[in-house]
Amino acid sequence: MSSNVKETVIQFGEGGFLRGFVDYFFHKLQEKGLYDGKIVVVQPIEKGMCQTLAEQNCEYNLFLRGIDNGQVVNEHTHVTSISRALNPYTQYDEYIALASNPDLRVLVSNTTEAGIEYVGTEKLTDMPPKAYPAKLCQFLYKRYQAGLKGLILLPCELIDDNGDNLKKCVLQYADLWELEDGFKNWIETENDFCSTLVDRIVTGYPRDEVEELTKQIGYEDKLIDTAEIFHLWVIGGHHEDELAFQKAGYNVVWTDDVHPYKKRKVRILNGGHTSMVLGAHLYGLTTVGECMQDETVSSFLKKCIFEEIIPTIGDTEDNRKFGAAVLERFSNPFIKHQLLSIALNSVSKFQVRVLPTILEYKEKFGKYPAGLTFSMAALISFYRTDKANDGEEIMKFMKDASVEEILKREDYWHADLTEMIPMVQEYYDLIQAKGMAEAYKEVLAK
């Protein structure tokens, strides 16, 4: 690292998502003259890609492909926002020295959903401690001891209230290690643990197209990354003055409350997926792209999103725009999203993503929504096949139980669904008697 490089961001995680999302945004901020500072990447577990990054001078190529406002977009960026990559398991001294860097201001992480956990077996003297929050507590304690100001923390792990949960784990380690009250107070008052929601499909290293992309860039890049054009980063905090993402033209939302954005994404995007894929598989399709090209299945999806989900959560311009963007994303010709991979653990997905909308729709409009209720009958029909992929007990039960028995499993649905039984039974019988194509026609006519 040359001595004139200003390192302002520490990033726990070196995978494709952060490189196709956060690191790209910081690259663009620098390119537009809106930010002065580089990222130091830290490998959160013993095995990772920091060595490969270091061998490539921490540079890589990112290809963003998709449909934006009806136009196919293919954007290539040579990303140079990372100054160096450190493995704290072999470069502990270099890593911990970062805590005393007065330029450091931002911390980003994506250590998988399981990364934000309190293990409770680590020591303050571990080099490094095992769990990510333990590493972070140790790091922040060094910073506190150096008399430096705190950080803006932007965890990107896909769990609810990720900022609050990360802070809670850090404070648990402070208690475990019996660190002084002054440090705990500094954690609370000098650091901003922002909860965030990230949304971009990052498809990572493009094995099936790597030869073609290598020809395009003219040399071998072991870290080529690919992603869709669409992006959304909702951050529970207000730091546009330091991180001018909006000024740079990016879809970054600073807010006091991330929850409404999370609800919108889960209900429209994830709920759209879950309500469509099982019926579409029974209908004979294999990818989301095929669903969008099929007039019947795409009409069913539009009915679910625009006539049932959005009216339930709020028929606003923002929600309709998000729904339209979801349709564009599902139509992305560069992403081959297999229906059977989305179908994994569909019972729990349906309970979180679709069922709340069904029940709220009934409360709001006095009847059950036809499309989403039909998707439950499709789910039961799908679990009769050998393609279902879920917990062993769930698959065994769902394969043979009656519609009534399935809907009465409150441990599956976390709700009393007795009232829904006649309608789901009617749709289930329709699918069994006439097949999926005919059943779709009848539902679309409602």
Protein backbone atom coordinates (compact mmCIF):
# COMPACT_ATOMS: atom_id res chain seq x y z
CA MET A 1 0.00 0.00 0.00
CA SER A 2 1.41 3.37 -0.95
CA SER A 3 1.67 5.85 1.91
CA ASN A 4 -0.67 8.40 0.25
CA VAL A 5 -3.68 6.03 0.15
CA LYS A 6 -6.32 7.10 2.66
CA GLU A 7 -8.10 4.08 4.14
CA THR A 8 -11.52 5.09 5.44
CA VAL A 9 -13.61 1.90 5.23
CA ILE A 10 -13.10 -1.50 6.83
CA GLN A 11 -15.11 -4.32 5.30
CA PHE A 12 -15.66 -7.72 6.93
CA GLY A 13 -16.37 -10.03 4.00
CA GLU A 14 -14.86 -10.44 0.55
CA GLY A 15 -17.56 -12.40 -1.28
CA GLY A 16 -19.32 -11.66 -4.55
CA PHE A 17 -22.21 -9.77 -2.95
CA LEU A 18 -20.18 -7.01 -1.29
CA ARG A 19 -17.93 -6.72 -4.36
CA GLY A 20 -21.00 -6.39 -6.61
CA PHE A 21 -22.78 -3.95 -4.31
CA VAL A 22 -20.95 -1.87 -1.68
CA ASP A 23 -17.47 -1.89 -3.27
CA TYR A 24 -19.00 -0.86 -6.60
CA PHE A 25 -20.80 2.09 -4.96
CA PHE A 26 -17.60 3.31 -3.29
CA HIS A 27 -15.74 2.95 -6.61
CA LYS A 28 -18.37 5.11 -8.30
CA LEU A 29 -18.28 7.73 -5.50
CA GLN A 30 -14.50 8.03 -5.96
CA GLU A 31 -14.86 8.15 -9.75
CA LYS A 32 -17.36 11.03 -9.46
CA GLY A 33 -15.10 12.92 -7.04
CA LEU A 34 -17.60 12.54 -4.19
CA TYR A 35 -15.44 10.47 -1.84
CA ASP A 36 -11.81 10.31 -0.82
CA GLY A 37 -10.89 6.99 0.70
CA LYS A 38 -10.31 3.30 0.08
CA ILE A 39 -11.64 0.05 1.54
CA VAL A 40 -9.60 -2.46 3.54
CA VAL A 41 -11.18 -5.89 3.19
CA VAL A 42 -10.93 -8.29 6.14
CA GLN A 43 -11.58 -12.00 5.73
CA PRO A 44 -14.09 -12.96 8.47
CA ILE A 45 -13.27 -16.70 8.53
CA GLU A 46 -10.05 -18.67 8.09
CA LYS A 47 -10.69 -19.75 4.50
CA GLY A 48 -11.53 -17.09 1.96
CA MET A 49 -10.45 -15.08 -1.06
CA CYS A 50 -8.20 -12.41 0.42
CA GLN A 51 -5.10 -14.09 -1.02
CA THR A 52 -6.63 -14.07 -4.52
CA LEU A 53 -7.63 -10.42 -4.09
CA ALA A 54 -4.09 -9.53 -2.99
CA GLU A 55 -2.62 -11.34 -6.02
CA GLN A 56 -4.78 -9.14 -8.29
CA ASN A 57 -3.83 -5.88 -6.57
CA CYS A 58 -7.37 -5.95 -5.10
CA GLU A 59 -8.87 -5.11 -8.51
CA TYR A 60 -11.56 -7.03 -10.37
CA ASN A 61 -14.16 -6.66 -13.12
CA LEU A 62 -17.88 -6.35 -12.46
CA PHE A 63 -20.53 -6.89 -15.14
CA LEU A 64 -24.02 -5.52 -14.39
CA ARG A 65 -26.61 -6.86 -16.80
CA GLY A 66 -30.36 -6.56 -16.97
CA ILE A 67 -33.33 -4.56 -18.18
CA ASP A 68 -33.69 -0.96 -17.07
CA ASN A 69 -36.86 0.89 -18.17
CA GLY A 70 -37.37 -1.61 -20.97
CA GLN A 71 -33.80 -1.35 -22.30
CA VAL A 72 -31.18 -4.11 -22.05
CA VAL A 73 -28.19 -2.73 -20.13
CA ASN A 74 -24.72 -4.28 -20.00
CA GLU A 75 -22.33 -2.24 -17.87
CA HIS A 76 -18.69 -3.22 -17.30
CA THR A 77 -16.71 -1.64 -14.43
CA HIS A 78 -13.08 -2.26 -13.48
CA VAL A 79 -13.45 -1.85 -9.70
CA THR A 80 -10.51 -0.27 -7.83
CA SER A 81 -12.07 0.83 -4.52
CA ILE A 82 -10.17 -1.72 -2.36
CA SER A 83 -6.66 -0.81 -1.17
CA ARG A 84 -5.74 -4.17 0.39
CA ALA A 85 -7.14 -7.43 1.71
CA LEU A 86 -6.15 -8.89 5.08
CA ASN A 87 -6.59 -12.32 6.62
CA PRO A 88 -6.64 -11.69 10.40
CA TYR A 89 -5.79 -15.37 10.99
CA THR A 90 -2.36 -14.89 9.33
CA GLN A 91 -1.98 -11.06 9.38
CA TYR A 92 -3.38 -10.23 12.80
CA ASP A 93 -0.96 -7.38 13.59
CA GLU A 94 -1.73 -5.55 10.32
CA TYR A 95 -5.44 -6.07 10.86
CA ILE A 96 -5.60 -4.83 14.46
CA ALA A 97 -3.39 -1.83 13.61
CA LEU A 98 -6.30 -0.56 11.50
CA ALA A 99 -8.22 0.15 14.73
CA SER A 100 -5.75 2.98 15.44
CA ASN A 101 -6.18 4.59 12.00
CA PRO A 102 -7.76 8.05 12.56
CA ASP A 103 -9.01 8.14 8.93
CA LEU A 104 -11.22 5.08 9.45
CA ARG A 105 -14.86 6.09 9.50
CA VAL A 106 -17.10 3.37 8.01
CA LEU A 107 -17.49 -0.33 8.70
CA VAL A 108 -19.34 -2.66 6.30
CA SER A 109 -20.01 -6.36 6.79
CA ASN A 110 -21.60 -9.37 5.18
CA THR A 111 -20.66 -12.43 7.17
CA THR A 112 -23.78 -14.46 6.15
CA GLU A 113 -26.97 -14.62 8.20
CA ALA A 114 -25.18 -16.82 10.77
CA GLY A 115 -22.34 -14.30 11.17
CA ILE A 116 -24.04 -12.02 13.69
CA GLU A 117 -24.00 -14.36 16.66
CA TYR A 118 -22.81 -14.37 20.24
CA VAL A 119 -20.73 -17.50 20.87
CA GLY A 120 -19.38 -16.51 24.27
CA THR A 121 -16.30 -18.74 24.39
CA GLU A 122 -13.77 -16.21 23.06
CA LYS A 123 -11.21 -14.21 25.01
CA LEU A 124 -10.20 -10.57 24.54
CA THR A 125 -6.64 -11.81 23.89
CA ASP A 126 -7.61 -14.16 21.02
CA MET A 127 -5.79 -13.35 17.76
CA PRO A 128 -8.45 -13.14 16.37
CA PRO A 129 -11.61 -14.21 18.26
CA LYS A 130 -13.88 -16.64 16.38
CA ALA A 131 -17.26 -14.90 15.96
CA TYR A 132 -17.55 -11.70 13.89
CA PRO A 133 -19.11 -9.63 16.75
CA ALA A 134 -16.24 -10.77 19.02
CA LYS A 135 -13.70 -9.62 16.41
CA LEU A 136 -15.59 -6.34 16.16
CA CYS A 137 -15.75 -5.79 19.94
CA GLN A 138 -11.99 -6.39 20.21
CA PHE A 139 -11.35 -4.05 17.25
CA LEU A 140 -13.56 -1.27 18.65
CA TYR A 141 -11.97 -1.62 22.09
CA LYS A 142 -8.53 -0.97 20.53
CA ARG A 143 -10.00 2.09 18.82
CA TYR A 144 -11.53 3.33 22.07
CA GLN A 145 -8.18 2.87 23.87
CA ALA A 146 -6.50 4.92 21.14
CA GLY A 147 -8.88 7.79 21.98
CA LEU A 148 -10.39 7.87 18.47
CA LYS A 149 -13.93 8.61 17.33
CA GLY A 150 -16.42 5.85 16.56
CA LEU A 151 -17.67 4.48 13.24
CA ILE A 152 -20.71 4.36 10.99
CA LEU A 153 -21.51 0.63 10.89
CA LEU A 154 -23.42 -0.74 7.89
CA PRO A 155 -24.06 -4.48 8.34
CA CYS A 156 -25.51 -6.10 5.19
CA GLU A 157 -26.38 -9.49 6.69
CA LEU A 158 -29.91 -10.56 5.75
CA ILE A 159 -31.46 -10.64 9.21
CA ASP A 160 -34.06 -8.36 10.75
CA ASP A 161 -32.65 -5.36 12.64
CA ASN A 162 -29.08 -6.32 11.70
CA GLY A 163 -27.59 -3.13 13.18
CA ASP A 164 -29.38 -3.51 16.52
CA ASN A 165 -28.46 -7.20 16.72
CA LEU A 166 -24.80 -6.53 15.92
CA LYS A 167 -24.61 -3.86 18.64
CA LYS A 168 -26.30 -6.19 21.13
CA CYS A 169 -23.71 -8.93 20.43
CA VAL A 170 -20.79 -6.47 20.74
CA LEU A 171 -22.09 -5.30 24.13
CA GLN A 172 -22.47 -8.94 25.23
CA TYR A 173 -18.76 -9.44 24.52
CA ALA A 174 -17.95 -6.24 26.41
CA ASP A 175 -19.77 -7.74 29.41
CA LEU A 176 -18.13 -11.16 28.96
CA TRP A 177 -14.68 -9.56 28.91
CA GLU A 178 -15.58 -7.21 31.78
CA LEU A 179 -14.63 -4.11 29.81
CA GLU A 180 -15.12 -0.73 31.47
CA ASP A 181 -18.33 1.27 31.41
CA GLY A 182 -16.56 4.06 29.52
CA PHE A 183 -16.10 1.73 26.54
CA LYS A 184 -19.73 0.56 26.63
CA ASN A 185 -20.85 4.18 26.75
CA TRP A 186 -18.55 4.99 23.79
CA ILE A 187 -20.13 2.09 21.83
CA GLU A 188 -23.59 3.49 22.50
CA THR A 189 -22.90 7.19 21.90
CA GLU A 190 -19.99 7.44 19.43
CA ASN A 191 -20.90 4.65 16.98
CA ASP A 192 -23.95 4.44 14.74
CA PHE A 193 -25.02 0.81 14.21
CA CYS A 194 -27.34 1.31 11.24
CA SER A 195 -29.83 -1.44 10.40
CA THR A 196 -29.95 -1.93 6.63
CA LEU A 197 -31.82 -3.73 3.88
CA VAL A 198 -29.87 -4.73 0.77
CA ASP A 199 -31.47 -5.79 -2.48
CA ARG A 200 -29.57 -6.87 -5.58
CA ILE A 201 -29.27 -10.28 -7.20
CA VAL A 202 -25.52 -10.89 -7.44
CA THR A 203 -24.83 -13.94 -9.59
CA GLY A 204 -21.09 -14.03 -8.84
CA TYR A 205 -18.39 -15.74 -10.89
CA PRO A 206 -19.87 -16.52 -14.33
CA ARG A 207 -18.51 -20.04 -14.95
CA ASP A 208 -20.53 -20.62 -18.12
CA GLU A 209 -19.44 -17.31 -19.74
CA VAL A 210 -15.97 -16.78 -18.32
CA GLU A 211 -14.13 -17.41 -21.63
CA GLU A 212 -16.20 -14.82 -23.46
CA LEU A 213 -15.82 -12.21 -20.66
CA THR A 214 -12.06 -12.90 -20.38
CA LYS A 215 -11.72 -12.10 -24.10
CA GLN A 216 -13.65 -8.88 -23.53
CA ILE A 217 -11.35 -7.65 -20.73
CA GLY A 218 -8.17 -9.05 -22.34
CA TYR A 219 -6.66 -10.87 -19.33
CA GLU A 220 -7.53 -13.49 -16.70
CA ASP A 221 -9.49 -12.24 -13.69
CA LYS A 222 -10.20 -14.93 -11.09
CA LEU A 223 -12.65 -12.62 -9.33
CA ILE A 224 -14.95 -11.58 -12.19
CA ASP A 225 -18.30 -10.73 -10.61
CA THR A 226 -21.75 -10.44 -12.21
CA ALA A 227 -24.99 -8.93 -10.95
CA GLU A 228 -28.28 -7.44 -12.06
CA ILE A 229 -28.66 -3.71 -12.71
CA PHE A 230 -31.32 -3.19 -10.04
CA HIS A 231 -30.13 -2.18 -6.61
CA LEU A 232 -31.62 -0.83 -3.40
CA TRP A 233 -29.83 -0.07 -0.14
CA VAL A 234 -32.06 1.13 2.70
CA ILE A 235 -30.03 2.43 5.64
CA GLY A 236 -31.46 3.26 9.06
CA GLY A 237 -29.49 6.44 9.61
CA HIS A 238 -28.60 9.79 8.02
CA HIS A 239 -25.04 10.06 6.68
CA GLU A 240 -25.49 11.42 3.15
CA ASP A 241 -23.19 14.29 4.16
CA GLU A 242 -20.30 11.81 4.47
CA LEU A 243 -21.48 9.12 2.04
CA ALA A 244 -23.07 10.89 -0.93
CA PHE A 245 -24.67 7.82 -2.49
CA GLN A 246 -27.85 9.67 -3.46
CA LYS A 247 -25.89 12.56 -4.98
CA ALA A 248 -24.00 9.98 -7.04
CA GLY A 249 -27.37 8.81 -8.40
CA TYR A 250 -27.75 5.53 -6.54
CA ASN A 251 -30.92 4.04 -5.09
CA VAL A 252 -29.84 4.46 -1.47
CA VAL A 253 -32.48 5.47 1.07
CA TRP A 254 -31.55 7.07 4.40
CA THR A 255 -34.42 6.58 6.83
CA ASP A 256 -35.42 6.37 10.50
CA ASP A 257 -37.22 3.06 9.91
CA VAL A 258 -36.12 0.22 7.61
CA HIS A 259 -39.16 -1.98 8.42
CA PRO A 260 -41.63 -0.69 5.75
CA TYR A 261 -39.03 -1.27 3.02
CA LYS A 262 -38.35 -4.77 4.33
CA LYS A 263 -42.09 -5.52 4.35
CA ARG A 264 -42.43 -4.28 0.75
CA LYS A 265 -39.53 -6.43 -0.47
CA VAL A 266 -40.65 -9.58 1.37
CA ARG A 267 -44.31 -9.25 0.32
CA ILE A 268 -43.85 -8.15 -3.33
CA LEU A 269 -40.55 -9.66 -4.50
CA ASN A 270 -40.27 -12.75 -2.30
CA GLY A 271 -44.05 -13.19 -2.08
CA GLY A 272 -44.30 -12.88 -5.86
CA HIS A 273 -41.66 -15.58 -6.32
CA THR A 274 -43.23 -17.96 -3.80
CA SER A 275 -46.79 -17.52 -5.09
CA MET A 276 -45.69 -18.20 -8.69
CA VAL A 277 -43.00 -20.88 -8.77
CA LEU A 278 -44.78 -24.03 -7.52
CA GLY A 279 -47.75 -23.70 -9.85
CA ALA A 280 -45.42 -22.76 -12.71
CA HIS A 281 -43.37 -25.92 -12.12
CA LEU A 282 -46.55 -28.06 -12.21
CA TYR A 283 -47.48 -26.21 -15.42
CA GLY A 284 -44.20 -27.41 -16.98
CA LEU A 285 -41.79 -24.46 -16.73
CA THR A 286 -38.26 -24.56 -15.26
CA THR A 287 -36.98 -20.96 -14.83
CA VAL A 288 -38.33 -17.58 -13.76
CA GLY A 289 -37.42 -16.21 -17.20
CA GLU A 290 -39.68 -18.82 -18.87
CA CYS A 291 -42.49 -17.81 -16.49
CA MET A 292 -42.20 -14.18 -17.58
CA GLN A 293 -42.34 -15.18 -21.27
CA ASP A 294 -45.42 -17.34 -20.74
CA GLU A 295 -48.58 -15.25 -21.03
CA THR A 296 -50.62 -17.35 -18.59
CA VAL A 297 -48.06 -17.54 -15.77
CA SER A 298 -46.95 -13.91 -16.11
CA SER A 299 -50.63 -12.83 -16.02
CA PHE A 300 -51.07 -14.85 -12.83
CA LEU A 301 -48.02 -13.18 -11.25
CA LYS A 302 -49.27 -9.70 -12.23
CA LYS A 303 -52.68 -10.52 -10.72
CA CYS A 304 -51.02 -11.57 -7.43
CA ILE A 305 -48.75 -8.50 -7.26
CA PHE A 306 -50.97 -5.68 -8.57
CA GLU A 307 -54.48 -6.87 -7.62
CA GLU A 308 -53.76 -8.60 -4.31
CA ILE A 309 -50.39 -7.87 -2.67
CA ILE A 310 -50.10 -4.12 -3.38
CA PRO A 311 -53.75 -3.27 -2.50
CA THR A 312 -53.15 -5.06 0.82
CA ILE A 313 -49.87 -3.39 1.86
CA GLY A 314 -50.74 0.02 0.36
CA ASP A 315 -51.67 1.00 -3.19
CA THR A 316 -49.02 3.72 -3.46
CA GLU A 317 -47.00 4.92 -6.43
CA ASP A 318 -43.80 3.69 -4.73
CA ASN A 319 -45.21 0.21 -4.24
CA ARG A 320 -46.46 0.05 -7.83
CA LYS A 321 -43.04 1.19 -9.10
CA PHE A 322 -41.39 -1.50 -6.97
CA GLY A 323 -43.84 -4.07 -8.40
CA ALA A 324 -43.00 -2.98 -11.97
CA ALA A 325 -39.28 -3.21 -11.16
CA VAL A 326 -39.79 -6.75 -9.82
CA LEU A 327 -41.34 -7.79 -13.15
CA GLU A 328 -38.34 -6.34 -15.01
CA ARG A 329 -35.95 -8.15 -12.68
CA PHE A 330 -37.75 -11.46 -13.11
CA SER A 331 -37.50 -10.93 -16.90
CA ASN A 332 -33.71 -10.41 -16.82
CA PRO A 333 -32.35 -12.52 -19.72
CA PHE A 334 -28.93 -12.77 -18.04
CA ILE A 335 -30.21 -14.58 -14.93
CA LYS A 336 -31.26 -18.23 -15.14
CA HIS A 337 -33.16 -18.61 -11.88
CA GLN A 338 -34.35 -22.22 -11.46
CA LEU A 339 -37.87 -22.66 -10.06
CA LEU A 340 -36.81 -25.72 -8.06
CA SER A 341 -34.05 -23.76 -6.30
CA ILE A 342 -36.60 -21.11 -5.22
CA ALA A 343 -38.95 -23.95 -4.16
CA LEU A 344 -36.60 -25.07 -1.36
CA ASN A 345 -38.38 -24.99 2.06
CA SER A 346 -41.58 -23.60 0.54
CA VAL A 347 -43.79 -24.21 3.58
CA SER A 348 -41.83 -21.81 5.81
CA LYS A 349 -41.36 -19.36 2.91
CA PHE A 350 -45.12 -19.34 2.23
CA GLN A 351 -45.83 -18.72 5.92
CA VAL A 352 -43.57 -15.62 6.00
CA ARG A 353 -43.94 -14.24 2.48
CA VAL A 354 -47.49 -14.99 1.26
CA LEU A 355 -49.81 -15.96 4.10
CA PRO A 356 -49.69 -12.59 5.93
CA THR A 357 -50.95 -10.90 2.74
CA ILE A 358 -53.78 -13.45 2.34
CA LEU A 359 -54.95 -12.87 5.91
CA GLU A 360 -54.61 -9.06 5.75
CA TYR A 361 -56.44 -9.00 2.38
CA LYS A 362 -59.35 -10.94 3.94
CA GLU A 363 -59.44 -8.50 6.85
CA LYS A 364 -59.37 -5.50 4.53
CA PHE A 365 -61.69 -6.65 1.73
CA GLY A 366 -63.88 -9.29 3.41
CA LYS A 367 -62.84 -12.16 1.12
CA TYR A 368 -59.76 -14.24 0.35
CA PRO A 369 -57.60 -13.20 -2.64
CA ALA A 370 -58.10 -15.65 -5.52
CA GLY A 371 -54.53 -15.76 -6.87
CA LEU A 372 -52.66 -16.07 -3.58
CA THR A 373 -55.17 -18.60 -2.19
CA PHE A 374 -54.80 -20.61 -5.40
CA SER A 375 -51.02 -20.56 -4.83
CA MET A 376 -51.59 -22.43 -1.55
CA ALA A 377 -53.48 -25.15 -3.44
CA ALA A 378 -50.56 -25.25 -5.89
CA LEU A 379 -48.16 -25.61 -2.95
CA ILE A 380 -50.10 -28.62 -1.62
CA SER A 381 -50.18 -30.14 -5.12
CA PHE A 382 -46.42 -29.59 -5.51
CA TYR A 383 -45.67 -31.34 -2.21
CA ARG A 384 -47.46 -34.45 -3.59
CA THR A 385 -44.64 -34.74 -6.18
CA ASP A 386 -41.11 -36.04 -5.65
CA LYS A 387 -39.65 -32.58 -6.44
CA ALA A 388 -40.47 -31.06 -3.04
CA ASN A 389 -37.37 -30.20 -1.02
CA ASP A 390 -38.04 -29.45 2.65
CA GLY A 391 -37.58 -30.93 6.12
CA GLU A 392 -38.13 -34.70 6.16
CA GLU A 393 -41.12 -34.56 8.54
CA ILE A 394 -42.79 -31.76 6.55
CA MET A 395 -42.39 -33.60 3.22
CA LYS A 396 -43.74 -36.85 4.66
CA PHE A 397 -46.80 -35.13 6.16
CA MET A 398 -47.54 -32.88 3.16
CA LYS A 399 -47.35 -35.78 0.71
CA ASP A 400 -50.25 -37.75 2.22
CA ALA A 401 -52.32 -35.43 4.44
CA SER A 402 -55.66 -34.02 3.31
CA VAL A 403 -56.07 -30.32 2.50
CA GLU A 404 -58.00 -29.91 5.75
CA GLU A 405 -55.28 -31.63 7.83
CA ILE A 406 -52.59 -29.46 6.21
CA LEU A 407 -54.43 -26.19 6.81
CA LYS A 408 -55.05 -27.16 10.45
CA ARG A 409 -51.29 -27.42 11.16
CA GLU A 410 -50.95 -24.19 13.16
CA ASP A 411 -47.30 -25.06 13.83
CA TYR A 412 -46.70 -24.68 10.06
CA TRP A 413 -48.75 -21.55 9.46
CA HIS A 414 -48.70 -19.73 12.83
CA ALA A 415 -52.40 -18.93 12.26
CA ASP A 416 -55.85 -20.53 12.32
CA LEU A 417 -56.68 -21.25 8.65
CA THR A 418 -59.93 -23.19 9.20
CA GLU A 419 -61.95 -20.58 7.24
CA MET A 420 -59.71 -21.02 4.19
CA ILE A 421 -60.25 -24.78 3.87
CA PRO A 422 -63.26 -24.74 1.44
CA MET A 423 -61.59 -22.32 -1.02
CA VAL A 424 -58.21 -24.06 -0.99
CA GLN A 425 -59.97 -27.45 -1.35
CA GLU A 426 -61.91 -26.15 -4.36
CA TYR A 427 -58.71 -24.96 -6.07
CA TYR A 428 -56.83 -28.15 -5.16
CA ASP A 429 -59.63 -30.29 -6.66
CA LEU A 430 -59.60 -28.11 -9.78
CA ILE A 431 -55.83 -28.64 -10.25
CA GLN A 432 -56.19 -32.41 -9.77
CA ALA A 433 -59.21 -32.75 -12.08
CA LYS A 434 -58.33 -30.39 -14.94
CA GLY A 435 -54.58 -29.80 -14.70
CA MET A 436 -52.63 -26.63 -14.11
CA ALA A 437 -53.29 -24.89 -17.45
CA GLU A 438 -57.08 -25.09 -17.08
CA ALA A 439 -56.90 -24.19 -13.38
CA TYR A 440 -54.90 -21.03 -14.19
CA LYS A 441 -57.56 -19.97 -16.71
CA GLU A 442 -60.35 -20.26 -14.13
CA VAL A 443 -58.42 -18.28 -11.49
CA LEU A 444 -57.45 -15.56 -13.96
CA ALA A 445 -61.13 -15.16 -14.89
CA LYS A 446 -62.04 -14.32 -11.26
